C-alpha atoms as a PDB file:
ATOM      1  CA  MET A   1      -4.372 -15.318   1.974  1.00  0.00           C
ATOM      2  CA  SER A   2      -8.042 -14.709   2.543  1.00  0.00           C
ATOM      3  CA  SER A   3      -9.376 -11.508   1.080  1.00  0.00           C
ATOM      4  CA  ASN A   4     -12.595  -9.522   1.308  1.00  0.00           C
ATOM      5  CA  VAL A   5     -12.310  -8.646  -2.398  1.00  0.00           C
ATOM      6  CA  ARG A   6     -14.501 -10.758  -4.688  1.00  0.00           C
ATOM      7  CA  THR A   7     -13.163 -11.909  -8.066  1.00  0.00           C
ATOM      8  CA  ASP A   8     -14.721 -13.289 -11.239  1.00  0.00           C
ATOM      9  CA  ASP A   9     -13.905 -13.495 -14.970  1.00  0.00           C
ATOM     10  CA  SER A  10     -14.889  -9.930 -15.862  1.00  0.00           C
ATOM     11  CA  ALA A  11     -12.425  -7.439 -17.361  1.00  0.00           C
ATOM     12  CA  LEU A  12     -12.574  -5.385 -14.167  1.00  0.00           C
ATOM     13  CA  SER A  13     -11.691  -8.360 -12.015  1.00  0.00           C
ATOM     14  CA  ARG A  14      -8.865  -9.444 -14.317  1.00  0.00           C
ATOM     15  CA  ALA A  15      -7.400  -5.936 -14.168  1.00  0.00           C
ATOM     16  CA  ASP A  16      -7.785  -5.988 -10.384  1.00  0.00           C
ATOM     17  CA  GLN A  17      -5.954  -9.296 -10.063  1.00  0.00           C
ATOM     18  CA  PHE A  18      -3.159  -8.197 -12.423  1.00  0.00           C
ATOM     19  CA  LEU A  19      -2.606  -5.011 -10.439  1.00  0.00           C
ATOM     20  CA  PHE A  20      -2.757  -6.968  -7.189  1.00  0.00           C
ATOM     21  CA  LYS A  21       0.200  -9.090  -8.317  1.00  0.00           C
ATOM     22  CA  ILE A  22       2.249  -5.915  -8.741  1.00  0.00           C
ATOM     23  CA  GLU A  23       1.049  -4.568  -5.399  1.00  0.00           C
ATOM     24  CA  SER A  24       1.898  -7.845  -3.685  1.00  0.00           C
ATOM     25  CA  ALA A  25       5.401  -7.796  -5.153  1.00  0.00           C
ATOM     26  CA  MET A  26       5.927  -4.241  -3.920  1.00  0.00           C
ATOM     27  CA  THR A  27       4.715  -5.224  -0.457  1.00  0.00           C
ATOM     28  CA  LEU A  28       7.112  -8.157  -0.426  1.00  0.00           C
ATOM     29  CA  VAL A  29       9.981  -5.784  -1.191  1.00  0.00           C
ATOM     30  CA  ALA A  30       8.832  -3.570   1.699  1.00  0.00           C
ATOM     31  CA  GLY A  31       8.828  -6.581   4.020  1.00  0.00           C
ATOM     32  CA  LEU A  32      12.308  -7.611   2.883  1.00  0.00           C
ATOM     33  CA  SER A  33      13.462  -4.037   3.490  1.00  0.00           C
ATOM     34  CA  ILE A  34      12.266  -4.265   7.074  1.00  0.00           C
ATOM     35  CA  LEU A  35      14.192  -7.512   7.480  1.00  0.00           C
ATOM     36  CA  ALA A  36      17.310  -5.943   5.966  1.00  0.00           C
ATOM     37  CA  ILE A  37      17.095  -2.971   8.321  1.00  0.00           C
ATOM     38  CA  MET A  38      16.713  -5.283  11.316  1.00  0.00           C
ATOM     39  CA  LEU A  39      19.802  -7.264  10.264  1.00  0.00           C
ATOM     40  CA  LEU A  40      21.700  -4.035   9.644  1.00  0.00           C
ATOM     41  CA  ALA A  41      20.773  -2.793  13.114  1.00  0.00           C
ATOM     42  CA  VAL A  42      22.012  -6.042  14.677  1.00  0.00           C
ATOM     43  CA  ALA A  43      25.261  -5.793  12.713  1.00  0.00           C
ATOM     44  CA  ASN A  44      25.669  -2.179  13.816  1.00  0.00           C
ATOM     45  CA  ILE A  45      25.126  -3.000  17.499  1.00  0.00           C
ATOM     46  CA  LEU A  46      27.390  -6.060  17.517  1.00  0.00           C
ATOM     47  CA  GLY A  47      30.062  -4.353  15.460  1.00  0.00           C
ATOM     48  CA  ARG A  48      30.117  -1.334  17.744  1.00  0.00           C
ATOM     49  CA  LYS A  49      30.124  -3.415  20.943  1.00  0.00           C
ATOM     50  CA  PHE A  50      32.680  -6.113  20.100  1.00  0.00           C
ATOM     51  CA  PHE A  51      34.867  -4.582  17.401  1.00  0.00           C
ATOM     52  CA  ASN A  52      34.340  -0.831  17.845  1.00  0.00           C
ATOM     53  CA  LEU A  53      33.324  -0.900  14.187  1.00  0.00           C
ATOM     54  CA  PRO A  54      29.763   0.359  13.544  1.00  0.00           C
ATOM     55  CA  VAL A  55      28.146   0.074  10.137  1.00  0.00           C
ATOM     56  CA  PRO A  56      29.241   3.080   8.049  1.00  0.00           C
ATOM     57  CA  GLY A  57      26.356   5.446   7.364  1.00  0.00           C
ATOM     58  CA  PHE A  58      23.909   3.432   9.469  1.00  0.00           C
ATOM     59  CA  ILE A  59      21.574   6.404   9.968  1.00  0.00           C
ATOM     60  CA  ASP A  60      21.727   7.212   6.254  1.00  0.00           C
ATOM     61  CA  TRP A  61      20.607   3.678   5.374  1.00  0.00           C
ATOM     62  CA  ILE A  62      17.757   3.882   7.888  1.00  0.00           C
ATOM     63  CA  VAL A  63      16.559   7.213   6.524  1.00  0.00           C
ATOM     64  CA  GLN A  64      16.635   5.832   2.977  1.00  0.00           C
ATOM     65  CA  ALA A  65      14.704   2.721   3.998  1.00  0.00           C
ATOM     66  CA  VAL A  66      11.814   4.522   5.695  1.00  0.00           C
ATOM     67  CA  PRO A  67      10.075   5.692   2.470  1.00  0.00           C
ATOM     68  CA  ILE A  68      10.494   2.203   0.993  1.00  0.00           C
ATOM     69  CA  ILE A  69       8.791   0.638   4.000  1.00  0.00           C
ATOM     70  CA  ALA A  70       6.109   3.331   4.185  1.00  0.00           C
ATOM     71  CA  PHE A  71       5.082   3.629   0.541  1.00  0.00           C
ATOM     72  CA  LEU A  72       5.611   0.267  -1.168  1.00  0.00           C
ATOM     73  CA  GLY A  73       2.573  -1.261   0.535  1.00  0.00           C
ATOM     74  CA  ILE A  74       0.205   1.688   0.203  1.00  0.00           C
ATOM     75  CA  ALA A  75      -1.702   0.411  -2.863  1.00  0.00           C
ATOM     76  CA  TYR A  76      -1.807  -3.132  -1.442  1.00  0.00           C
ATOM     77  CA  CYS A  77      -3.494  -1.845   1.718  1.00  0.00           C
ATOM     78  CA  GLN A  78      -5.978   0.149  -0.344  1.00  0.00           C
ATOM     79  CA  ARG A  79      -6.905  -2.939  -2.355  1.00  0.00           C
ATOM     80  CA  LEU A  80      -7.776  -4.852   0.809  1.00  0.00           C
ATOM     81  CA  GLY A  81      -9.441  -1.886   2.511  1.00  0.00           C
ATOM     82  CA  ASN A  82      -6.916  -1.909   5.347  1.00  0.00           C
ATOM     83  CA  HIS A  83      -6.357   1.819   5.589  1.00  0.00           C
ATOM     84  CA  ILE A  84      -7.988   3.636   8.490  1.00  0.00           C
ATOM     85  CA  ARG A  85     -11.664   4.245   7.762  1.00  0.00           C
ATOM     86  CA  MET A  86     -14.937   4.707   9.614  1.00  0.00           C
ATOM     87  CA  ASP A  87     -16.281   1.161   9.236  1.00  0.00           C
ATOM     88  CA  MET A  88     -18.857   1.730  11.976  1.00  0.00           C
ATOM     89  CA  LEU A  89     -20.348   4.550   9.917  1.00  0.00           C
ATOM     90  CA  VAL A  90     -19.942   2.968   6.492  1.00  0.00           C
ATOM     91  CA  GLY A  91     -21.156  -0.401   7.783  1.00  0.00           C
ATOM     92  CA  ALA A  92     -24.525   1.135   8.605  1.00  0.00           C
ATOM     93  CA  LEU A  93     -25.113   1.982   4.944  1.00  0.00           C
ATOM     94  CA  LYS A  94     -26.604  -0.467   2.453  1.00  0.00           C
ATOM     95  CA  GLY A  95     -27.131  -0.861  -1.269  1.00  0.00           C
ATOM     96  CA  ARG A  96     -26.739   2.047  -3.639  1.00  0.00           C
ATOM     97  CA  ILE A  97     -26.315   4.529  -0.781  1.00  0.00           C
ATOM     98  CA  LEU A  98     -23.247   2.609   0.370  1.00  0.00           C
ATOM     99  CA  TRP A  99     -21.763   2.434  -3.134  1.00  0.00           C
ATOM    100  CA  ALA A 100     -22.418   6.134  -3.714  1.00  0.00           C
ATOM    101  CA  PHE A 101     -20.649   6.967  -0.448  1.00  0.00           C
ATOM    102  CA  GLU A 102     -17.720   4.703  -1.331  1.00  0.00           C
ATOM    103  CA  LEU A 103     -17.479   6.161  -4.841  1.00  0.00           C
ATOM    104  CA  PHE A 104     -17.484   9.701  -3.447  1.00  0.00           C
ATOM    105  CA  SER A 105     -14.701   8.756  -1.013  1.00  0.00           C
ATOM    106  CA  ILE A 106     -12.620   7.178  -3.774  1.00  0.00           C
ATOM    107  CA  VAL A 107     -12.987  10.265  -5.972  1.00  0.00           C
ATOM    108  CA  LEU A 108     -11.788  12.488  -3.119  1.00  0.00           C
ATOM    109  CA  MET A 109      -8.870  10.158  -2.444  1.00  0.00           C
ATOM    110  CA  GLY A 110      -8.024  10.143  -6.148  1.00  0.00           C
ATOM    111  CA  ALA A 111      -7.958  13.946  -6.285  1.00  0.00           C
ATOM    112  CA  LEU A 112      -5.692  14.075  -3.230  1.00  0.00           C
ATOM    113  CA  THR A 113      -3.441  11.380  -4.711  1.00  0.00           C
ATOM    114  CA  VAL A 114      -3.028  13.372  -7.931  1.00  0.00           C
ATOM    115  CA  ILE A 115      -1.899  16.385  -5.900  1.00  0.00           C
ATOM    116  CA  LEU A 116       0.509  14.269  -3.836  1.00  0.00           C
ATOM    117  CA  THR A 117       1.894  12.652  -6.993  1.00  0.00           C
ATOM    118  CA  MET A 118       2.616  16.008  -8.578  1.00  0.00           C
ATOM    119  CA  GLY A 119       4.214  17.360  -5.399  1.00  0.00           C
ATOM    120  CA  SER A 120       6.369  14.286  -4.793  1.00  0.00           C
ATOM    121  CA  TRP A 121       7.484  14.220  -8.428  1.00  0.00           C
ATOM    122  CA  SER A 122       8.576  17.854  -8.129  1.00  0.00           C
ATOM    123  CA  HIS A 123      10.527  16.948  -4.984  1.00  0.00           C
ATOM    124  CA  ALA A 124      12.201  13.985  -6.732  1.00  0.00           C
ATOM    125  CA  ASP A 125      13.017  16.075  -9.814  1.00  0.00           C
ATOM    126  CA  ARG A 126      14.677  18.682  -7.619  1.00  0.00           C
ATOM    127  CA  ALA A 127      16.771  15.979  -5.916  1.00  0.00           C
ATOM    128  CA  ILE A 128      17.884  14.681  -9.339  1.00  0.00           C
ATOM    129  CA  ARG A 129      18.824  18.127 -10.645  1.00  0.00           C
ATOM    130  CA  LEU A 130      20.688  19.174  -7.485  1.00  0.00           C
ATOM    131  CA  GLY A 131      22.400  15.826  -6.911  1.00  0.00           C
ATOM    132  CA  ASP A 132      20.955  15.622  -3.409  1.00  0.00           C
ATOM    133  CA  SER A 133      22.615  13.082  -1.092  1.00  0.00           C
ATOM    134  CA  THR A 134      22.664  11.984   2.539  1.00  0.00           C
ATOM    135  CA  ILE A 135      24.914  13.759   5.033  1.00  0.00           C
ATOM    136  CA  ASP A 136      27.183  10.948   6.220  1.00  0.00           C
ATOM    137  CA  ILE A 137      28.155   8.672   3.311  1.00  0.00           C
ATOM    138  CA  ASN A 138      26.574  10.701   0.497  1.00  0.00           C
ATOM    139  CA  LEU A 139      23.998   8.204  -0.690  1.00  0.00           C
ATOM    140  CA  PRO A 140      21.988   9.698  -3.577  1.00  0.00           C
ATOM    141  CA  THR A 141      18.449  10.414  -2.376  1.00  0.00           C
ATOM    142  CA  TRP A 142      16.739  10.650  -5.744  1.00  0.00           C
ATOM    143  CA  PRO A 143      15.985   6.885  -6.163  1.00  0.00           C
ATOM    144  CA  VAL A 144      13.988   6.799  -2.940  1.00  0.00           C
ATOM    145  CA  LYS A 145      12.355  10.159  -3.622  1.00  0.00           C
ATOM    146  CA  LEU A 146      11.394   8.991  -7.118  1.00  0.00           C
ATOM    147  CA  LEU A 147       9.837   5.882  -5.587  1.00  0.00           C
ATOM    148  CA  VAL A 148       7.193   8.018  -3.846  1.00  0.00           C
ATOM    149  CA  PRO A 149       5.445   9.412  -6.971  1.00  0.00           C
ATOM    150  CA  ILE A 150       5.724   5.977  -8.603  1.00  0.00           C
ATOM    151  CA  MET A 151       3.863   4.375  -5.702  1.00  0.00           C
ATOM    152  CA  PHE A 152       1.303   7.185  -5.673  1.00  0.00           C
ATOM    153  CA  THR A 153       0.740   6.474  -9.379  1.00  0.00           C
ATOM    154  CA  LEU A 154       0.177   2.809  -8.554  1.00  0.00           C
ATOM    155  CA  LEU A 155      -2.252   3.868  -5.826  1.00  0.00           C
ATOM    156  CA  LEU A 156      -4.056   6.075  -8.338  1.00  0.00           C
ATOM    157  CA  ALA A 157      -4.430   3.084 -10.672  1.00  0.00           C
ATOM    158  CA  ARG A 158      -5.920   1.114  -7.777  1.00  0.00           C
ATOM    159  CA  LEU A 159      -8.333   3.948  -6.972  1.00  0.00           C
ATOM    160  CA  LEU A 160      -9.450   4.131 -10.604  1.00  0.00           C
ATOM    161  CA  LEU A 161     -10.222   0.400 -10.592  1.00  0.00           C
ATOM    162  CA  GLN A 162     -12.157   0.728  -7.349  1.00  0.00           C
ATOM    163  CA  ALA A 163     -14.066   3.724  -8.686  1.00  0.00           C
ATOM    164  CA  TRP A 164     -14.999   1.571 -11.699  1.00  0.00           C
ATOM    165  CA  GLY A 165     -16.163  -1.192  -9.365  1.00  0.00           C
ATOM    166  CA  TYR A 166     -18.233   1.117  -7.188  1.00  0.00           C
ATOM    167  CA  TRP A 167     -19.745   2.826 -10.244  1.00  0.00           C
ATOM    168  CA  LYS A 168     -20.829  -0.524 -11.664  1.00  0.00           C
ATOM    169  CA  ALA A 169     -22.342  -1.480  -8.310  1.00  0.00           C
ATOM    170  CA  LEU A 170     -24.125   1.851  -8.055  1.00  0.00           C
ATOM    171  CA  TRP A 171     -25.516   1.446 -11.573  1.00  0.00           C
ATOM    172  CA  SER A 172     -26.590  -2.194 -11.218  1.00  0.00           C
ATOM    173  CA  GLY A 173     -27.422  -2.284  -7.517  1.00  0.00           C
ATOM    174  CA  GLU A 174     -25.462  -5.524  -6.975  1.00  0.00           C
ATOM    175  CA  LYS A 175     -24.708  -6.426  -3.363  1.00  0.00           C
ATOM    176  CA  THR A 176     -21.213  -7.914  -3.767  1.00  0.00           C
ATOM    177  CA  PRO A 177     -19.304  -6.122  -6.543  1.00  0.00           C
ATOM    178  CA  VAL A 178     -15.885  -7.294  -7.676  1.00  0.00           C
ATOM    179  CA  ALA A 179     -12.528  -5.502  -7.277  1.00  0.00           C
ATOM    180  CA  VAL A 180     -13.562  -3.524  -4.193  1.00  0.00           C
ATOM    181  CA  PRO A 181     -13.048  -4.302  -0.491  1.00  0.00           C
ATOM    182  CA  LEU A 182     -16.295  -5.484   1.048  1.00  0.00           C
ATOM    183  CA  ILE A 183     -17.100  -4.620   4.641  1.00  0.00           C
ATOM    184  CA  GLU A 184     -16.779  -7.633   6.941  1.00  0.00           C
ATOM    185  CA  ASP A 185     -18.417  -8.235  10.282  1.00  0.00           C
ATOM    186  CA  THR A 186     -16.251  -8.659  13.376  1.00  0.00           C
ATOM    187  CA  ALA A 187     -16.356 -12.470  13.354  1.00  0.00           C
ATOM    188  CA  THR A 188     -15.326 -12.740   9.688  1.00  0.00           C
ATOM    189  CA  LEU A 189     -12.578 -10.175  10.146  1.00  0.00           C
ATOM    190  CA  ALA A 190     -11.225 -12.069  13.175  1.00  0.00           C
ATOM    191  CA  ALA A 191     -11.275 -15.317  11.203  1.00  0.00           C
ATOM    192  CA  HIS A 192      -9.301 -13.758   8.356  1.00  0.00           C
ATOM    193  CA  GLU A 193      -6.745 -12.354  10.776  1.00  0.00           C
ATOM    194  CA  ALA A 194      -6.384 -15.787  12.369  1.00  0.00           C
ATOM    195  CA  GLU A 195      -5.814 -17.332   8.919  1.00  0.00           C
ATOM    196  CA  THR A 196      -3.165 -14.704   8.147  1.00  0.00           C
ATOM    197  CA  VAL A 197      -1.290 -15.423  11.388  1.00  0.00           C
ATOM    198  CA  SER A 198      -1.545 -19.208  11.123  1.00  0.00           C
ATOM    199  CA  GLY A 199      -0.954 -19.389   7.374  1.00  0.00           C
ATOM    200  CA  ILE A 200      -3.932 -21.773   7.056  1.00  0.00           C
ATOM    201  CA  GLU A 201      -7.063 -20.922   5.099  1.00  0.00           C
ATOM    202  CA  ASN A 202     -10.460 -22.524   5.382  1.00  0.00           C
ATOM    203  CA  GLY A 203     -10.746 -25.497   3.105  1.00  0.00           C
ATOM    204  CA  SER A 204      -7.005 -25.834   2.516  1.00  0.00           C
END
């Protein structure tokens, strides 16, 4: 898949690519979870309609799947710069001013992520100690709740790598640093989206 993140043979880029493999695997699991929930919903509808036999604990399974779908791809999206951001504002900045702004944003995001990690870990720990479970079929909730601080930790690792990349760019003044999402113009962004949909990249 096309990416707006430049790579090279530096230690930073190697760390970025290693972490991206983990992030991609987590995103794949999230996608498979969506597929599983869709199949479960079909089975629930057909079972209820034709056999009067709905899937036991269907709502419980859905509730458990939502955090998996929501959080497993969070670091992947950050790596590609796909989270909501003010590209019109940031795109007007150039050079060291841009990298300073990006670095400041990453530091703020990192501080918030640390707080969210601590809070979600406390929530997961409470679920483990109390033996928390779902209402219908008593699925234990702690595995999914523990997944949240784990994914926030992975996001924090991604933010640290990006902070490293932006700091290097700020120090050296380079125009296209590695391991950080570079802002694309509308035409390039549209081309990348077309490649993603078609599964065909330029030059392949």
